[in-house]
Amino acid sequence: MVDTMKIAVVGLGVEGKNAVKSLLDYGFDVYASDMDENIEVDSSFDNIDLDLGHHDLDKIYSADAVVLSPALWNTELGRRLRKKNKILSDVLEGYKSIFTVGVTGTNGKTTTCLMIKDILEMAGLNVLVGGNAGGGFDGYTKLILEASKNNFNILIVEVCDMTLDFCDYTFDFDIVVVTNIGRDHLNVHHSLKNYQKSLCRFLESKTAILNKNDVFLSEIAYCADKAILFGETNKKLKVFGRFNLLNAAAAEEVAKALNIPDKYIKESLENFEDVRGRSTMMKLFGSNIIIGKTDNADAAAAVFGERKFDVIIIGTPRKNELYRFDILKEVIKANPDIVGLFPGLDETTDLASNILKSGSYKGEIRLLKDVSDVTDFVIKCSRVYKNIVIGGNGQTKILEIQNILKHKKIYGS
């Protein structure tokens, strides 16, 4: 890998911004552009050649390699850039010889990736995990750079369901895990059927490990070259939720395909700890508090189905992400005594409150202003109610709430 290469980053969404930072960390000369002239960038972008409001094609075509935003992959610009054979994964393609596991689906991707990693590392393998920046990793570019620079036995890639075509081109997958098909990113897929068709294309010529309890996945098992179906593991887990029995079973099937001895699988899964930011349970003043990312309706339904919750506190989505408000339908089904609403990604608590009222929810609705308001309310409720859940949208705020409550748990209030 030549550190003096000039790399063009086209499109500055979450993946593009992460790509710029990773390339700078590795010492590359970076040009970046986005059609949105109002896109927000931080001070690290002061060190690059940046165009907002337009793409300078001369600079892009003259670059040694191009990082193309997954959102632009199937556009005319994307097709033209791929024909130039300058996509970063074409220039730094040595990493493609590493045995590669992809993990995709609507929910459970990050946990499943980390479960697989833990098992394989326990068996003595050198493992690199990363990918989907929206899932909390550092993005696909960071993964490519790291895999190209160091020697790894296994590469584990979290694949966002919106980047299937991009990842199919970028990585040579030996095994693909699909956790489930659910109601997320419908602004991109437009329907679950469309999402299912995209996954079918992605599975072609691959060995696929599929959740047999998911009807949508069972219907497309034929798309894979070889399909292995999994149910719930029989291992005893520390982590919360039946959905994690499925995540663990998927990780177990990957390990079996790699001939990992069962003693490592069992020890790893039975000692696996909660993933930061994902659903975890803590005790506070006698109350069971479940807190973590449940930013779509199916994730929320899976958590709400674990037990009867007295209080459900939800971070609200952005105004334009109307499909995410389906979480509130699951809240109504769960029928808690109290629903707390706080601005997770946007100040949409009034909109969410109106949806609850029009959906026949008859309990108490509390509008919470900020993280401090949420934690004060949770502490108050924990002295009265047995089961409380905090989720929805706004992972940064949810993590902050989680950290404050853990501090309260340890030191008291």
Protein backbone atom coordinates (compact mmCIF):
# COMPACT_ATOMS: atom_id res chain seq x y z
CA MET A 1 0.00 0.00 0.00
CA VAL A 2 1.47 3.34 -1.05
CA ASP A 3 0.76 6.04 1.54
CA THR A 4 1.37 8.88 -0.93
CA MET A 5 -1.61 7.95 -3.09
CA LYS A 6 -4.28 10.58 -3.73
CA ILE A 7 -7.72 9.23 -2.82
CA ALA A 8 -11.01 10.81 -3.86
CA VAL A 9 -14.01 10.34 -1.57
CA VAL A 10 -17.27 10.90 -3.45
CA GLY A 11 -20.29 11.42 -1.20
CA LEU A 12 -20.05 12.51 2.44
CA GLY A 13 -22.72 10.61 4.28
CA VAL A 14 -21.79 8.63 7.39
CA GLU A 15 -19.60 6.19 5.43
CA GLY A 16 -17.94 8.96 3.41
CA LYS A 17 -17.07 11.05 6.46
CA ASN A 18 -15.64 7.99 8.20
CA ALA A 19 -13.67 7.18 5.04
CA VAL A 20 -12.06 10.63 5.02
CA LYS A 21 -10.97 10.30 8.65
CA SER A 22 -9.59 6.78 8.09
CA LEU A 23 -7.66 7.81 4.98
CA LEU A 24 -6.14 10.79 6.81
CA ASP A 25 -5.15 8.52 9.71
CA TYR A 26 -3.33 6.29 7.22
CA GLY A 27 -1.49 9.25 5.70
CA PHE A 28 -3.26 9.55 2.35
CA ASP A 29 -3.79 12.77 0.39
CA VAL A 30 -7.59 13.21 0.22
CA TYR A 31 -9.98 15.03 -2.08
CA ALA A 32 -13.66 14.81 -1.04
CA SER A 33 -16.90 16.13 -2.50
CA ASP A 34 -20.64 16.08 -1.96
CA MET A 35 -23.53 17.64 -3.88
CA ASP A 36 -24.97 19.03 -0.63
CA GLU A 37 -23.29 22.41 -0.09
CA ASN A 38 -24.66 22.59 3.47
CA ILE A 39 -23.34 19.27 4.70
CA GLU A 40 -21.74 19.51 8.15
CA VAL A 41 -18.07 18.56 8.50
CA ASP A 42 -15.69 18.78 11.45
CA SER A 43 -12.23 20.31 11.78
CA SER A 44 -10.49 17.23 10.33
CA PHE A 45 -11.82 18.30 6.93
CA ASP A 46 -9.62 21.42 7.12
CA ASN A 47 -6.75 19.14 6.07
CA ILE A 48 -8.25 17.99 2.76
CA ASP A 49 -9.20 19.36 -0.65
CA LEU A 50 -12.98 19.72 -0.25
CA ASP A 51 -15.79 20.64 -2.65
CA LEU A 52 -19.37 21.02 -1.43
CA GLY A 53 -22.22 21.61 -3.86
CA HIS A 54 -20.51 19.84 -6.76
CA HIS A 55 -18.12 17.03 -7.73
CA ASP A 56 -14.91 18.02 -9.55
CA LEU A 57 -14.68 15.13 -12.02
CA ASP A 58 -11.16 16.06 -13.11
CA LYS A 59 -9.91 15.66 -9.55
CA ILE A 60 -11.87 12.44 -9.11
CA TYR A 61 -10.68 10.85 -12.35
CA SER A 62 -7.06 11.87 -11.73
CA ALA A 63 -7.02 10.30 -8.24
CA ASP A 64 -5.14 7.04 -7.69
CA ALA A 65 -8.22 5.48 -6.10
CA VAL A 66 -11.83 6.43 -5.37
CA VAL A 67 -14.03 5.75 -2.36
CA LEU A 68 -17.61 5.90 -3.61
CA SER A 69 -20.48 6.38 -1.19
CA PRO A 70 -22.72 3.26 -1.07
CA ALA A 71 -25.68 5.60 -1.66
CA LEU A 72 -24.18 6.51 -5.07
CA TRP A 73 -23.24 2.97 -6.03
CA ASN A 74 -26.03 2.34 -8.54
CA THR A 75 -26.17 5.88 -9.95
CA GLU A 76 -24.81 6.87 -13.36
CA LEU A 77 -21.82 8.50 -11.65
CA GLY A 78 -21.19 5.30 -9.71
CA ARG A 79 -21.26 3.15 -12.84
CA ARG A 80 -18.86 5.51 -14.64
CA LEU A 81 -16.40 5.45 -11.74
CA ARG A 82 -16.48 1.65 -11.51
CA LYS A 83 -15.57 1.40 -15.20
CA LYS A 84 -12.36 3.32 -14.43
CA ASN A 85 -11.21 0.40 -12.19
CA LYS A 86 -10.10 2.89 -9.58
CA ILE A 87 -12.49 1.97 -6.76
CA LEU A 88 -10.40 1.52 -3.60
CA SER A 89 -11.32 -2.17 -3.40
CA ASP A 90 -9.91 -2.65 -6.93
CA VAL A 91 -6.65 -0.89 -6.11
CA LEU A 92 -6.11 -2.52 -2.68
CA GLU A 93 -7.55 -5.93 -3.48
CA GLY A 94 -5.08 -8.11 -1.55
CA TYR A 95 -7.42 -8.28 1.45
CA LYS A 96 -9.92 -10.23 -0.67
CA SER A 97 -7.87 -13.40 -0.19
CA ILE A 98 -8.71 -13.38 3.54
CA PHE A 99 -11.55 -15.74 4.54
CA THR A 100 -14.47 -13.33 4.84
CA VAL A 101 -17.73 -13.60 6.77
CA GLY A 102 -20.51 -11.09 6.09
CA VAL A 103 -23.28 -10.44 8.61
CA THR A 104 -26.37 -8.60 7.42
CA GLY A 105 -30.08 -8.29 8.26
CA THR A 106 -32.26 -5.75 10.01
CA ASN A 107 -31.40 -6.44 13.65
CA GLY A 108 -28.70 -8.27 15.60
CA LYS A 109 -25.83 -7.69 13.17
CA THR A 110 -23.35 -6.08 15.55
CA THR A 111 -23.92 -8.56 18.36
CA THR A 112 -23.62 -11.50 15.96
CA CYS A 113 -20.38 -10.10 14.48
CA LEU A 114 -18.86 -9.75 17.93
CA MET A 115 -20.02 -13.20 19.02
CA ILE A 116 -18.33 -14.73 15.96
CA LYS A 117 -15.17 -12.72 16.64
CA ASP A 118 -15.08 -13.84 20.28
CA ILE A 119 -15.41 -17.53 19.37
CA LEU A 120 -12.76 -17.42 16.65
CA GLU A 121 -10.29 -15.48 18.79
CA MET A 122 -10.78 -17.97 21.61
CA ALA A 123 -9.80 -20.66 19.10
CA GLY A 124 -6.57 -18.77 18.41
CA LEU A 125 -7.41 -17.05 15.11
CA ASN A 126 -6.41 -13.49 14.24
CA VAL A 127 -9.72 -11.76 13.47
CA LEU A 128 -10.62 -8.31 12.14
CA VAL A 129 -14.20 -7.09 12.50
CA GLY A 130 -15.75 -3.87 11.20
CA GLY A 131 -17.77 -2.33 8.42
CA ASN A 132 -21.13 -0.56 8.62
CA ALA A 133 -20.51 2.83 10.21
CA GLY A 134 -24.21 3.11 11.02
CA GLY A 135 -23.83 0.06 13.24
CA GLY A 136 -21.11 1.63 15.34
CA PHE A 137 -18.02 0.41 13.48
CA ASP A 138 -15.60 2.74 11.67
CA GLY A 139 -16.84 2.10 8.14
CA TYR A 140 -15.88 -0.08 5.20
CA THR A 141 -12.85 2.00 4.19
CA LYS A 142 -11.21 1.60 7.62
CA LEU A 143 -11.76 -2.17 7.34
CA ILE A 144 -10.17 -2.33 3.87
CA LEU A 145 -7.15 -0.29 4.98
CA GLU A 146 -6.60 -2.33 8.12
CA ALA A 147 -7.06 -5.67 6.32
CA SER A 148 -4.64 -4.58 3.58
CA LYS A 149 -1.94 -3.56 6.06
CA ASN A 150 -1.94 -6.46 8.56
CA ASN A 151 -2.18 -10.24 8.48
CA PHE A 152 -5.54 -11.65 9.53
CA ASN A 153 -6.97 -15.17 9.34
CA ILE A 154 -10.60 -14.03 9.23
CA LEU A 155 -12.39 -10.85 8.17
CA ILE A 156 -15.88 -10.21 9.60
CA VAL A 157 -17.90 -7.51 7.86
CA GLU A 158 -21.10 -5.99 9.22
CA VAL A 159 -23.12 -5.28 6.07
CA CYS A 160 -25.84 -2.64 6.26
CA ASP A 161 -28.95 -3.70 4.33
CA MET A 162 -28.72 -0.45 2.33
CA THR A 163 -25.23 -1.34 1.06
CA LEU A 164 -25.72 -4.87 -0.29
CA ASP A 165 -24.61 -4.14 -3.87
CA PHE A 166 -21.67 -2.06 -2.67
CA CYS A 167 -20.46 -4.80 -0.31
CA ASP A 168 -21.03 -7.57 -2.86
CA TYR A 169 -18.54 -5.77 -5.12
CA THR A 170 -16.15 -4.73 -2.36
CA PHE A 171 -15.69 -8.04 -0.50
CA ASP A 172 -15.32 -11.69 -1.53
CA PHE A 173 -17.63 -13.33 0.99
CA ASP A 174 -17.05 -16.98 1.86
CA ILE A 175 -20.01 -17.10 4.25
CA VAL A 176 -22.93 -14.71 4.70
CA VAL A 177 -25.15 -14.62 7.79
CA VAL A 178 -28.61 -13.03 7.54
CA THR A 179 -30.19 -12.46 10.94
CA ASN A 180 -33.69 -11.37 9.82
CA ILE A 181 -35.68 -9.19 7.45
CA GLY A 182 -37.56 -6.42 9.21
CA ARG A 183 -39.19 -3.02 8.91
CA ASP A 184 -36.24 -0.67 8.65
CA HIS A 185 -34.87 1.65 5.94
CA LEU A 186 -38.17 1.39 4.09
CA ASN A 187 -37.45 4.84 2.66
CA VAL A 188 -34.77 3.03 0.63
CA HIS A 189 -36.33 -0.42 0.10
CA HIS A 190 -39.92 0.91 -0.23
CA SER A 191 -41.26 -2.54 0.73
CA LEU A 192 -40.15 -5.73 2.47
CA LYS A 193 -40.55 -7.55 -0.85
CA ASN A 194 -38.02 -5.24 -2.48
CA TYR A 195 -35.62 -5.78 0.42
CA GLN A 196 -36.13 -9.53 0.02
CA LYS A 197 -35.28 -9.32 -3.70
CA SER A 198 -32.10 -7.35 -2.96
CA LEU A 199 -31.05 -9.99 -0.45
CA CYS A 200 -31.77 -12.75 -2.96
CA ARG A 201 -29.32 -11.15 -5.40
CA PHE A 202 -26.77 -10.74 -2.62
CA LEU A 203 -26.96 -14.43 -1.67
CA GLU A 204 -26.24 -15.71 -5.18
CA SER A 205 -23.19 -18.03 -5.36
CA LYS A 206 -22.64 -17.78 -1.59
CA THR A 207 -22.92 -20.06 1.43
CA ALA A 208 -25.67 -18.49 3.52
CA ILE A 209 -26.54 -18.99 7.20
CA LEU A 210 -30.19 -17.99 7.57
CA ASN A 211 -32.68 -17.56 10.40
CA LYS A 212 -35.20 -20.35 9.84
CA ASN A 213 -37.81 -18.55 11.99
CA ASP A 214 -37.95 -15.68 9.51
CA VAL A 215 -40.52 -16.40 6.79
CA PHE A 216 -39.03 -13.85 4.40
CA LEU A 217 -35.64 -15.56 4.67
CA SER A 218 -37.01 -19.07 4.32
CA GLU A 219 -38.57 -18.00 1.04
CA ILE A 220 -35.21 -16.99 -0.45
CA ALA A 221 -33.00 -19.80 0.87
CA TYR A 222 -32.92 -21.15 -2.70
CA CYS A 223 -31.05 -18.00 -3.81
CA ALA A 224 -27.89 -19.13 -2.04
CA ASP A 225 -25.46 -21.67 -3.43
CA LYS A 226 -25.77 -23.44 -0.06
CA ALA A 227 -28.18 -22.55 2.76
CA ILE A 228 -27.71 -23.46 6.42
CA LEU A 229 -30.72 -22.69 8.63
CA PHE A 230 -30.49 -21.89 12.33
CA GLY A 231 -32.92 -21.60 15.23
CA GLU A 232 -32.20 -20.71 18.86
CA THR A 233 -29.01 -21.96 20.49
CA ASN A 234 -29.23 -24.33 23.45
CA LYS A 235 -26.30 -22.58 25.13
CA LYS A 236 -26.95 -20.69 28.38
CA LEU A 237 -26.27 -17.03 27.76
CA LYS A 238 -25.56 -14.11 30.10
CA VAL A 239 -26.98 -11.58 27.66
CA PHE A 240 -30.58 -10.43 27.75
CA GLY A 241 -33.32 -11.53 25.35
CA ARG A 242 -34.49 -14.50 23.32
CA PHE A 243 -33.36 -12.66 20.19
CA ASN A 244 -29.79 -13.17 21.41
CA LEU A 245 -30.37 -16.93 21.36
CA LEU A 246 -30.79 -16.52 17.60
CA ASN A 247 -27.72 -14.28 17.28
CA ALA A 248 -25.69 -16.85 19.21
CA ALA A 249 -26.98 -19.69 17.03
CA ALA A 250 -25.89 -17.82 13.90
CA ALA A 251 -22.40 -17.32 15.37
CA GLU A 252 -22.32 -21.00 16.33
CA GLU A 253 -23.07 -22.06 12.73
CA VAL A 254 -20.24 -19.90 11.41
CA ALA A 255 -17.86 -21.47 13.93
CA LYS A 256 -18.98 -24.98 12.95
CA ALA A 257 -18.44 -24.20 9.27
CA LEU A 258 -14.86 -23.26 10.20
CA ASN A 259 -14.45 -26.49 12.21
CA ILE A 260 -14.02 -24.69 15.52
CA PRO A 261 -14.20 -27.20 18.43
CA ASP A 262 -17.41 -27.03 20.46
CA LYS A 263 -15.52 -26.32 23.70
CA TYR A 264 -14.54 -22.88 22.34
CA ILE A 265 -18.05 -22.18 21.05
CA LYS A 266 -19.62 -23.09 24.39
CA GLU A 267 -17.14 -21.17 26.56
CA SER A 268 -17.31 -18.09 24.38
CA LEU A 269 -21.08 -17.84 24.05
CA GLU A 270 -21.83 -18.64 27.68
CA ASN A 271 -19.45 -15.88 28.85
CA PHE A 272 -20.32 -13.31 26.19
CA GLU A 273 -21.14 -9.90 27.71
CA ASP A 274 -23.71 -7.31 26.61
CA VAL A 275 -22.61 -5.17 23.66
CA ARG A 276 -22.37 -1.48 24.48
CA GLY A 277 -25.37 0.35 23.06
CA ARG A 278 -27.41 -2.81 22.46
CA SER A 279 -30.18 -4.06 24.73
CA THR A 280 -28.90 -4.77 28.20
CA MET A 281 -30.55 -5.22 31.60
CA MET A 282 -29.64 -3.59 34.88
CA LYS A 283 -31.23 -3.45 38.31
CA LEU A 284 -31.97 -0.09 39.88
CA PHE A 285 -33.78 0.27 43.23
CA GLY A 286 -35.51 -3.10 42.70
CA SER A 287 -36.62 -2.32 39.15
CA ASN A 288 -35.54 -4.25 36.03
CA ILE A 289 -34.37 -1.71 33.45
CA ILE A 290 -33.81 -2.74 29.84
CA ILE A 291 -31.96 -0.15 27.80
CA GLY A 292 -30.50 -0.13 24.31
CA LYS A 293 -30.92 0.43 20.59
CA THR A 294 -34.40 -0.47 19.31
CA ASP A 295 -34.61 1.97 16.42
CA ASN A 296 -37.14 0.10 14.26
CA ALA A 297 -40.49 -1.56 14.87
CA ASP A 298 -39.22 -5.16 14.77
CA ALA A 299 -36.39 -4.49 17.20
CA ALA A 300 -38.87 -2.81 19.55
CA ALA A 301 -41.35 -5.68 19.24
CA ALA A 302 -38.63 -8.22 20.09
CA VAL A 303 -37.73 -6.39 23.30
CA PHE A 304 -41.31 -5.58 24.31
CA GLY A 305 -42.18 -9.26 23.86
CA GLU A 306 -39.75 -10.33 26.59
CA ARG A 307 -42.04 -9.33 29.47
CA LYS A 308 -44.80 -6.97 30.55
CA PHE A 309 -43.33 -3.49 30.85
CA ASP A 310 -44.91 -0.93 33.17
CA VAL A 311 -42.99 2.00 31.67
CA ILE A 312 -41.70 2.39 28.10
CA ILE A 313 -39.45 5.34 27.27
CA ILE A 314 -38.82 6.04 23.59
CA GLY A 315 -36.39 8.32 21.76
CA THR A 316 -38.21 9.75 18.76
CA PRO A 317 -36.97 9.64 15.13
CA ARG A 318 -36.44 12.36 12.56
CA LYS A 319 -39.49 14.02 11.02
CA ASN A 320 -38.84 12.55 7.58
CA GLU A 321 -38.34 8.97 8.81
CA LEU A 322 -42.04 8.22 9.06
CA TYR A 323 -41.60 4.44 8.94
CA ARG A 324 -39.70 4.58 12.23
CA PHE A 325 -42.79 5.90 13.97
CA ASP A 326 -44.15 2.35 13.61
CA ILE A 327 -42.28 1.73 16.86
CA LEU A 328 -45.21 3.50 18.51
CA LYS A 329 -47.61 0.86 17.19
CA GLU A 330 -45.56 -1.70 19.11
CA VAL A 331 -45.72 0.53 22.19
CA ILE A 332 -49.52 0.60 21.95
CA LYS A 333 -49.61 -3.22 21.68
CA ALA A 334 -47.38 -3.49 24.75
CA ASN A 335 -49.81 -1.18 26.61
CA PRO A 336 -47.61 0.10 29.46
CA ASP A 337 -48.97 2.25 32.27
CA ILE A 338 -46.72 5.14 31.21
CA VAL A 339 -44.98 6.13 27.96
CA GLY A 340 -42.13 8.61 28.13
CA LEU A 341 -41.04 10.37 24.93
CA PHE A 342 -37.76 12.22 24.45
CA PRO A 343 -36.16 13.77 21.33
CA GLY A 344 -33.85 10.98 20.16
CA LEU A 345 -32.83 12.22 16.73
CA ASP A 346 -35.23 15.14 16.37
CA GLU A 347 -37.74 17.17 18.38
CA THR A 348 -40.72 15.05 17.36
CA THR A 349 -42.17 14.23 20.76
CA ASP A 350 -45.42 16.11 20.04
CA LEU A 351 -45.86 14.17 16.80
CA ALA A 352 -45.18 10.89 18.59
CA SER A 353 -47.62 11.81 21.35
CA ASN A 354 -50.36 12.49 18.80
CA ILE A 355 -49.70 9.12 17.13
CA LEU A 356 -50.09 7.35 20.48
CA LYS A 357 -53.34 9.18 21.24
CA SER A 358 -54.81 8.57 17.79
CA GLY A 359 -53.77 4.92 18.07
CA SER A 360 -55.99 4.43 21.13
CA TYR A 361 -53.28 4.41 23.81
CA LYS A 362 -55.06 5.30 27.07
CA GLY A 363 -52.15 5.42 29.52
CA GLU A 364 -50.13 8.38 30.72
CA ILE A 365 -47.83 10.14 28.26
CA ARG A 366 -44.85 12.09 29.55
CA LEU A 367 -42.84 14.41 27.31
CA LEU A 368 -39.20 14.51 28.43
CA LYS A 369 -36.92 17.33 27.33
CA ASP A 370 -33.42 15.86 27.44
CA VAL A 371 -31.13 13.16 28.85
CA SER A 372 -31.22 14.64 32.35
CA ASP A 373 -35.01 14.69 32.29
CA VAL A 374 -35.06 11.05 31.17
CA THR A 375 -32.69 9.79 33.86
CA ASP A 376 -34.53 11.70 36.61
CA PHE A 377 -37.82 10.18 35.39
CA VAL A 378 -36.35 6.66 35.23
CA ILE A 379 -35.00 6.93 38.78
CA LYS A 380 -38.39 8.11 40.00
CA CYS A 381 -40.21 5.29 38.20
CA SER A 382 -37.70 2.66 39.37
CA ARG A 383 -38.89 3.15 42.95
CA VAL A 384 -42.47 2.30 41.94
CA TYR A 385 -42.49 0.06 38.86
CA LYS A 386 -40.95 -3.38 38.33
CA ASN A 387 -40.10 -3.32 34.60
CA ILE A 388 -38.91 -0.33 32.57
CA VAL A 389 -37.55 -0.22 29.02
CA ILE A 390 -35.65 2.63 27.35
CA GLY A 391 -35.08 2.48 23.60
CA GLY A 392 -36.13 3.91 20.28
CA ASN A 393 -33.96 6.29 18.26
CA GLY A 394 -30.96 8.40 19.25
CA GLN A 395 -28.20 5.94 20.12
CA THR A 396 -25.82 8.63 21.41
CA LYS A 397 -28.41 9.84 23.92
CA ILE A 398 -29.37 6.29 24.87
CA LEU A 399 -25.72 5.49 25.61
CA GLU A 400 -25.49 8.62 27.74
CA ILE A 401 -28.62 7.60 29.66
CA GLN A 402 -27.18 4.11 30.11
CA ASN A 403 -23.91 5.46 31.52
CA ILE A 404 -25.68 7.76 33.98
CA LEU A 405 -27.94 4.96 35.21
CA LYS A 406 -24.98 2.60 35.64
CA HIS A 407 -23.32 5.27 37.78
CA LYS A 408 -26.50 5.54 39.85
CA LYS A 409 -26.61 1.75 40.19
CA ILE A 410 -23.04 1.62 41.47
CA TYR A 411 -23.01 4.64 43.75
CA GLY A 412 -26.67 5.14 44.60
CA SER A 413 -28.64 8.35 44.14
